[in-house]
Protein backbone atom coordinates (compact mmCIF):
# COMPACT_ATOMS: atom_id res chain seq x y z
CA MET A 1 0.00 0.00 0.00
CA GLU A 2 1.33 3.41 -0.88
CA THR A 3 2.06 5.91 1.82
CA ASN A 4 3.09 9.55 1.76
CA ASN A 5 3.77 9.93 5.49
CA GLN A 6 7.14 9.38 7.09
CA PRO A 7 7.13 7.28 10.29
CA SER A 8 7.93 9.08 13.54
CA ILE A 9 11.50 7.96 14.16
CA ASP A 10 14.34 10.01 15.63
CA PHE A 11 16.66 10.10 12.62
CA ARG A 12 19.05 12.43 14.42
CA GLU A 13 19.82 9.56 16.78
CA LEU A 14 20.33 7.27 13.77
CA LYS A 15 22.82 9.66 12.15
CA LEU A 16 24.70 10.01 15.45
CA GLN A 17 24.97 6.23 15.75
CA GLN A 18 26.26 5.98 12.16
CA ALA A 19 28.87 8.71 12.75
CA GLN A 20 30.11 7.01 15.92
CA THR A 21 30.34 3.64 14.17
CA ALA A 22 32.22 5.10 11.21
CA LYS A 23 34.68 6.81 13.58
CA LEU A 24 35.37 3.59 15.44
CA LYS A 25 35.71 1.53 12.24
CA PRO A 26 37.26 3.52 9.34
CA SER A 27 37.07 0.39 7.16
CA ILE A 28 33.31 0.90 7.00
CA GLN A 29 33.83 3.95 4.79
CA LEU A 30 35.99 1.93 2.38
CA ARG A 31 33.38 -0.82 2.31
CA GLU A 32 30.70 1.74 1.43
CA VAL A 33 32.83 3.11 -1.42
CA ILE A 34 33.45 -0.39 -2.81
CA LYS A 35 29.77 -1.27 -2.44
CA ARG A 36 28.65 1.85 -4.29
CA GLY A 37 31.16 1.15 -7.05
CA MET A 38 29.75 -2.38 -7.42
CA ASP A 39 26.21 -1.04 -7.44
CA VAL A 40 26.82 1.47 -10.21
CA SER A 41 28.92 -0.90 -12.33
CA PHE A 42 26.57 -3.88 -12.16
CA ALA A 43 23.44 -1.73 -12.54
CA LEU A 44 24.81 -0.12 -15.71
CA ILE A 45 25.82 -3.49 -17.16
CA ALA A 46 22.44 -4.99 -16.27
CA ILE A 47 20.50 -2.12 -17.85
CA ILE A 48 22.54 -2.33 -21.06
CA LEU A 49 22.18 -6.11 -21.35
CA LEU A 50 18.54 -6.23 -20.31
CA THR A 51 17.26 -3.26 -22.34
CA PRO A 52 15.77 -5.49 -25.09
CA ILE A 53 13.92 -7.56 -22.49
CA MET A 54 12.66 -4.44 -20.72
CA LEU A 55 11.44 -2.95 -24.00
CA ILE A 56 9.56 -6.13 -24.91
CA THR A 57 8.07 -6.28 -21.40
CA ALA A 58 6.88 -2.67 -21.66
CA ILE A 59 5.29 -3.31 -25.06
CA VAL A 60 3.46 -6.42 -23.83
CA ILE A 61 2.12 -4.61 -20.74
CA LYS A 62 0.88 -1.71 -22.85
CA ALA A 63 -0.64 -3.97 -25.49
CA ASN A 64 -2.64 -5.84 -22.85
CA ASP A 65 -3.83 -2.69 -21.10
CA PRO A 66 -3.45 0.39 -23.34
CA ALA A 67 -5.04 2.69 -20.77
CA GLY A 68 -2.76 1.61 -17.93
CA ALA A 69 0.77 2.70 -17.07
CA VAL A 70 3.79 0.56 -17.91
CA PHE A 71 5.55 1.29 -14.63
CA PHE A 72 4.33 1.07 -11.06
CA ARG A 73 5.86 3.59 -8.67
CA GLN A 74 5.31 3.23 -4.94
CA SER A 75 6.63 5.20 -1.98
CA ARG A 76 9.01 3.13 0.12
CA ILE A 77 11.14 3.96 3.15
CA GLY A 78 14.86 4.03 2.38
CA ARG A 79 18.06 4.68 4.26
CA ASP A 80 17.73 7.14 7.17
CA GLY A 81 13.96 6.98 6.74
CA LYS A 82 13.94 8.93 3.47
CA LEU A 83 10.98 8.23 1.21
CA PHE A 84 11.65 7.38 -2.43
CA LYS A 85 9.67 6.03 -5.36
CA MET A 86 10.53 2.41 -6.08
CA PHE A 87 10.05 1.35 -9.71
CA LYS A 88 8.51 -1.86 -10.98
CA PHE A 89 6.86 -3.03 -14.16
CA ARG A 90 3.15 -2.90 -13.45
CA SER A 91 1.80 -6.37 -12.71
CA MET A 92 -1.57 -5.34 -11.27
CA ARG A 93 -4.81 -3.75 -12.36
CA SER A 94 -4.84 0.05 -12.50
CA ASP A 95 -7.35 0.11 -9.61
CA ALA A 96 -5.53 -2.59 -7.65
CA GLU A 97 -5.86 -1.29 -4.09
CA GLN A 98 -9.50 -0.26 -4.39
CA TYR A 99 -10.32 -3.59 -6.02
CA LEU A 100 -8.71 -5.54 -3.17
CA MET A 101 -10.32 -3.43 -0.44
CA SER A 102 -13.73 -4.14 -1.95
CA ASN A 103 -13.26 -7.77 -0.85
CA GLU A 104 -13.26 -7.47 2.95
CA VAL A 105 -12.36 -11.10 3.65
CA LEU A 106 -9.41 -11.13 1.27
CA TYR A 107 -8.22 -7.72 2.42
CA ARG A 108 -8.15 -8.89 6.06
CA LYS A 109 -6.10 -11.90 4.97
CA TYR A 110 -3.77 -9.59 3.05
CA VAL A 111 -3.13 -7.43 6.13
CA SER A 112 -2.74 -10.39 8.52
CA ASN A 113 -0.32 -12.09 6.11
CA SER A 114 2.29 -9.30 6.22
CA TYR A 115 0.64 -7.48 3.30
CA LYS A 116 1.07 -10.43 0.97
CA LEU A 117 -1.25 -12.73 -0.93
CA GLU A 118 -0.27 -15.84 -2.80
CA LEU A 119 -0.08 -15.22 -6.50
CA HIS A 120 -2.95 -17.54 -7.44
CA GLU A 121 -5.40 -15.83 -5.04
CA ASP A 122 -4.49 -12.17 -5.57
CA PRO A 123 -7.26 -10.66 -7.75
CA ARG A 124 -5.19 -7.54 -8.40
CA VAL A 125 -2.55 -9.32 -10.47
CA THR A 126 -3.08 -9.51 -14.24
CA SER A 127 -2.31 -12.60 -16.33
CA ILE A 128 0.81 -10.89 -17.68
CA GLY A 129 1.62 -9.77 -14.14
CA ARG A 130 1.66 -13.35 -12.87
CA PHE A 131 4.33 -14.21 -15.43
CA LEU A 132 6.34 -11.10 -14.51
CA ARG A 133 6.16 -11.98 -10.81
CA LYS A 134 7.13 -15.62 -11.33
CA THR A 135 10.15 -14.66 -13.42
CA SER A 136 10.99 -11.56 -11.33
CA LEU A 137 10.95 -9.45 -14.52
CA ASP A 138 8.78 -6.91 -12.70
CA GLU A 139 11.80 -6.01 -10.54
CA LEU A 140 14.13 -5.00 -13.41
CA PRO A 141 13.36 -1.24 -13.30
CA GLN A 142 14.85 -1.13 -9.82
CA PHE A 143 18.30 -1.03 -11.41
CA PHE A 144 17.44 2.63 -12.08
CA ASN A 145 16.77 3.10 -8.35
CA VAL A 146 20.28 1.74 -7.77
CA LEU A 147 21.82 4.24 -10.19
CA ARG A 148 19.93 7.05 -8.46
CA GLY A 149 21.50 6.01 -5.15
CA GLU A 150 18.16 5.15 -3.54
CA MET A 151 18.80 1.41 -3.45
CA SER A 152 21.68 -1.02 -3.53
CA LEU A 153 22.02 -4.32 -5.34
CA VAL A 154 22.00 -6.11 -1.96
CA GLY A 155 20.25 -5.01 1.20
CA PRO A 156 17.01 -5.37 3.12
CA ARG A 157 13.96 -5.04 0.89
CA PRO A 158 12.42 -1.54 1.05
CA VAL A 159 9.24 -1.44 3.09
CA VAL A 160 6.07 0.62 3.38
CA ARG A 161 5.19 2.27 6.68
CA GLU A 162 2.99 -0.57 7.88
CA GLU A 163 5.76 -3.13 7.40
CA LEU A 164 8.21 -1.04 9.41
CA LEU A 165 6.16 -1.87 12.49
CA GLY A 166 7.44 -5.43 12.17
CA TYR A 167 10.92 -4.23 13.19
CA GLY A 168 9.81 -2.61 16.44
CA SER A 169 12.67 -1.18 18.49
CA ARG A 170 15.13 -2.33 15.81
CA SER A 171 13.70 0.00 13.14
CA LEU A 172 16.68 2.37 13.42
CA ASP A 173 19.06 -0.51 12.71
CA PHE A 174 16.96 -1.63 9.75
CA LEU A 175 16.97 1.88 8.26
CA SER A 176 20.72 2.37 8.74
CA VAL A 177 21.50 0.78 5.35
CA LYS A 178 20.19 1.21 1.82
CA PRO A 179 17.44 -1.18 0.78
CA GLY A 180 18.35 -3.69 -1.91
CA ILE A 181 16.97 -5.31 -5.05
CA THR A 182 17.83 -8.58 -3.38
CA GLY A 183 19.00 -9.56 0.08
CA TYR A 184 19.49 -12.22 2.70
CA TRP A 185 15.73 -12.61 3.16
CA GLN A 186 15.28 -13.47 -0.53
CA THR A 187 17.87 -16.20 -0.30
CA CYS A 188 16.15 -17.74 2.73
CA GLY A 189 12.64 -18.21 1.43
CA ARG A 190 11.58 -14.90 -0.08
CA SER A 191 7.82 -14.28 0.03
CA SER A 192 7.21 -17.60 1.78
CA VAL A 193 8.83 -16.13 4.93
CA GLY A 194 6.76 -13.48 6.72
CA TYR A 195 7.16 -11.43 9.87
CA PRO A 196 8.63 -11.74 12.47
CA GLU A 197 11.03 -14.20 10.80
CA ARG A 198 11.58 -11.80 7.90
CA ALA A 199 12.70 -9.04 10.28
CA ASP A 200 15.25 -11.38 11.87
CA LEU A 201 16.66 -12.34 8.47
CA GLU A 202 16.87 -8.75 7.22
CA LEU A 203 18.59 -7.62 10.42
CA HIS A 204 21.02 -10.53 10.25
CA TYR A 205 22.28 -8.92 7.05
CA VAL A 206 22.42 -5.45 8.62
CA TYR A 207 24.51 -6.68 11.54
CA ASN A 208 26.82 -8.97 9.55
CA ARG A 209 27.11 -7.41 6.09
CA THR A 210 30.36 -7.64 4.15
CA ILE A 211 31.29 -7.34 0.49
CA SER A 212 31.85 -11.10 0.28
CA MET A 213 28.39 -11.67 1.76
CA ASP A 214 26.90 -9.38 -0.91
CA ILE A 215 28.59 -11.38 -3.66
CA LYS A 216 27.32 -14.68 -2.26
CA ILE A 217 23.78 -13.29 -2.04
CA LEU A 218 23.93 -12.08 -5.65
CA PHE A 219 24.99 -15.49 -6.95
CA LYS A 220 22.41 -17.28 -4.83
CA THR A 221 19.70 -14.87 -6.03
CA VAL A 222 20.41 -15.71 -9.67
CA TRP A 223 19.90 -19.39 -8.89
CA ILE A 224 16.68 -18.74 -6.96
CA VAL A 225 15.26 -16.56 -9.75
CA LEU A 226 16.04 -19.21 -12.37
CA ARG A 227 14.20 -21.75 -10.22
CA ARG A 228 11.29 -19.26 -9.75
CA LYS A 229 11.31 -20.09 -6.05
CA GLY A 230 9.33 -18.03 -3.54
CA ALA A 231 8.19 -15.35 -5.99
CA TYR A 232 4.70 -13.87 -5.66
């Protein structure tokens, strides 16, 4: 669900914690530089190589729903609590949220299930959208979020305000890093793992992240995507 309100979190405290950590461990700054270099390099290569696929995807989406938009943009909470628009290929009806809310039973299930519905039961998702979700093609536009510096290749998945509640007192830790296209949670079950387990997995990455861990997650993600495991 889209939100335009920033959660009430003391981001001054978060920045102070980050400054203290960076002062104690200068290697963190080098790691951030290397990570950003990897993000930009791989995102550029991915966009160049995947442009034909993205063009075909856009054409198919538009052909099946000429009145609808090709891209779906939703406000998500990024590093330091900053809101940004996350890009996806549109996989749902144009009136997706209103359509779901009109079904009270299904909407209650959606909320109680960490704001997720299984692909086969979600009435918002189009036939083309189901294919995009299964193959993860809907996520490709997020490489542009990476180039813009709003996301990283690897990190916790960006959340909406309601999902942030699942991190409780650890929200500041969760928001101390950039969200990622993929992350540790995706390699441990993806959408089949909900809260509170998801929060534990995402924070495991936050507390233990290294460049070598990022590389392992990227390789494992490719394998998971090819197997179409846990995507909906």
